[in-house]
Amino acid sequence: MSGKIKIDLSSLEEKWPSAFVAREVSKEFTGGLVSPKSLANLDSQGEGPEGAIHCGRKVIYPVKCFIAWLEKRSQFKMRVRHAHDVVIGGNQTNKMNKYCK
């Protein structure tokens, strides 16, 4: 498959009760995908979400920036097991439609 599938995680924002995500709850926000320690390491390397706000030892991120960063780092991987699952002429496959609505 030649093109990338855009990952849309905007539904995370709708479910989050605040305009910010604290680094310490990044694991809960992402469903276990990104731990606070990993996020701290990525921030120290300049690879974390933009817009980080530091207050003492605490760090928060605007939800929109955090989601944009997460989408940028995410990719959809699909295994093709049957010939009918192959993308033909740019159309999405049956299998992909199951997961990407």
Protein backbone atom coordinates (compact mmCIF):
# COMPACT_ATOMS: atom_id res chain seq x y z
CA MET A 1 0.00 0.00 0.00
CA SER A 2 1.60 3.24 -1.12
CA GLY A 3 -0.35 5.98 0.72
CA LYS A 4 -0.48 6.59 4.42
CA ILE A 5 -3.75 6.43 6.26
CA LYS A 6 -4.43 9.54 8.35
CA ILE A 7 -4.93 8.65 11.99
CA ASP A 8 -7.73 10.70 13.59
CA LEU A 9 -7.60 10.77 17.38
CA SER A 10 -9.78 13.86 17.81
CA SER A 11 -12.32 11.84 19.78
CA LEU A 12 -9.83 11.86 22.67
CA GLU A 13 -10.38 15.61 23.04
CA GLU A 14 -14.15 15.23 23.25
CA LYS A 15 -13.84 12.74 26.11
CA TRP A 16 -11.23 14.70 28.10
CA PRO A 17 -12.62 17.04 30.80
CA SER A 18 -9.88 19.68 30.50
CA ALA A 19 -8.16 21.81 27.89
CA PHE A 20 -4.81 20.40 29.10
CA VAL A 21 -3.22 17.00 29.66
CA ALA A 22 -0.79 16.71 32.57
CA ARG A 23 2.29 14.65 31.80
CA GLU A 24 1.56 12.50 34.86
CA VAL A 25 -1.76 11.33 33.35
CA SER A 26 -0.51 10.81 29.79
CA LYS A 27 -0.85 7.05 30.24
CA GLU A 28 -4.55 7.37 31.12
CA PHE A 29 -5.17 9.87 28.33
CA THR A 30 -3.61 7.61 25.69
CA GLY A 31 -4.99 4.33 26.99
CA GLY A 32 -1.54 3.21 28.10
CA LEU A 33 0.20 4.16 24.87
CA VAL A 34 2.53 6.86 26.28
CA SER A 35 3.88 6.77 29.83
CA PRO A 36 4.90 9.91 31.74
CA LYS A 37 8.52 8.71 31.82
CA SER A 38 8.62 8.16 28.04
CA LEU A 39 7.06 11.56 27.52
CA ALA A 40 9.65 13.20 29.78
CA ASN A 41 12.44 11.49 27.83
CA LEU A 42 10.97 12.60 24.49
CA ASP A 43 10.59 16.17 25.80
CA SER A 44 14.23 16.23 26.87
CA GLN A 45 15.22 15.22 23.32
CA GLY A 46 13.00 17.91 21.79
CA GLU A 47 10.61 15.29 20.39
CA GLY A 48 7.64 15.79 22.72
CA PRO A 49 4.40 17.67 22.04
CA GLU A 50 4.62 21.38 21.28
CA GLY A 51 3.19 23.95 23.66
CA ALA A 52 4.39 22.33 26.90
CA ILE A 53 3.76 24.50 29.96
CA HIS A 54 6.12 24.01 32.91
CA CYS A 55 5.12 24.96 36.44
CA GLY A 56 7.78 23.82 38.87
CA ARG A 57 8.22 20.09 38.29
CA LYS A 58 4.82 19.68 36.67
CA VAL A 59 4.25 19.82 32.91
CA ILE A 60 0.97 20.16 31.03
CA TYR A 61 0.21 20.13 27.32
CA PRO A 62 -2.69 21.71 25.45
CA VAL A 63 -4.98 18.84 24.43
CA LYS A 64 -4.97 19.88 20.75
CA CYS A 65 -1.15 19.92 20.65
CA PHE A 66 -0.92 16.60 22.45
CA ILE A 67 -3.36 14.94 20.04
CA ALA A 68 -1.62 16.43 16.98
CA TRP A 69 1.70 15.09 18.27
CA LEU A 70 0.18 11.66 18.93
CA GLU A 71 -1.40 11.53 15.45
CA LYS A 72 1.91 12.51 13.86
CA ARG A 73 3.70 9.65 15.66
CA SER A 74 0.99 7.07 14.91
CA GLN A 75 0.58 4.85 11.89
CA PHE A 76 -1.95 2.24 10.84
CA LYS A 77 -0.50 -1.16 10.05
CA MET A 78 -2.52 -3.83 8.35
CA ARG A 79 -1.64 -7.39 7.44
CA VAL A 80 -2.93 -8.65 4.14
CA ARG A 81 -3.93 -12.28 4.46
CA HIS A 82 -6.33 -12.64 1.55
CA ALA A 83 -6.31 -11.36 -2.00
CA HIS A 84 -9.63 -9.53 -1.44
CA ASP A 85 -7.96 -7.43 1.30
CA VAL A 86 -5.61 -5.76 -1.20
CA VAL A 87 -6.20 -2.11 -2.12
CA ILE A 88 -7.14 -1.84 -5.79
CA GLY A 89 -7.33 1.49 -7.55
CA GLY A 90 -7.03 3.48 -4.33
CA ASN A 91 -10.16 1.98 -2.76
CA GLN A 92 -10.05 0.95 0.88
CA THR A 93 -10.20 -2.75 1.55
CA ASN A 94 -12.92 -4.68 3.33
CA LYS A 95 -10.57 -5.28 6.23
CA MET A 96 -9.62 -1.60 6.48
CA ASN A 97 -13.25 -0.50 6.44
CA LYS A 98 -13.80 -2.71 9.46
CA TYR A 99 -11.28 -0.70 11.49
CA CYS A 100 -11.43 2.77 9.89
CA LYS A 101 -14.92 4.17 9.89
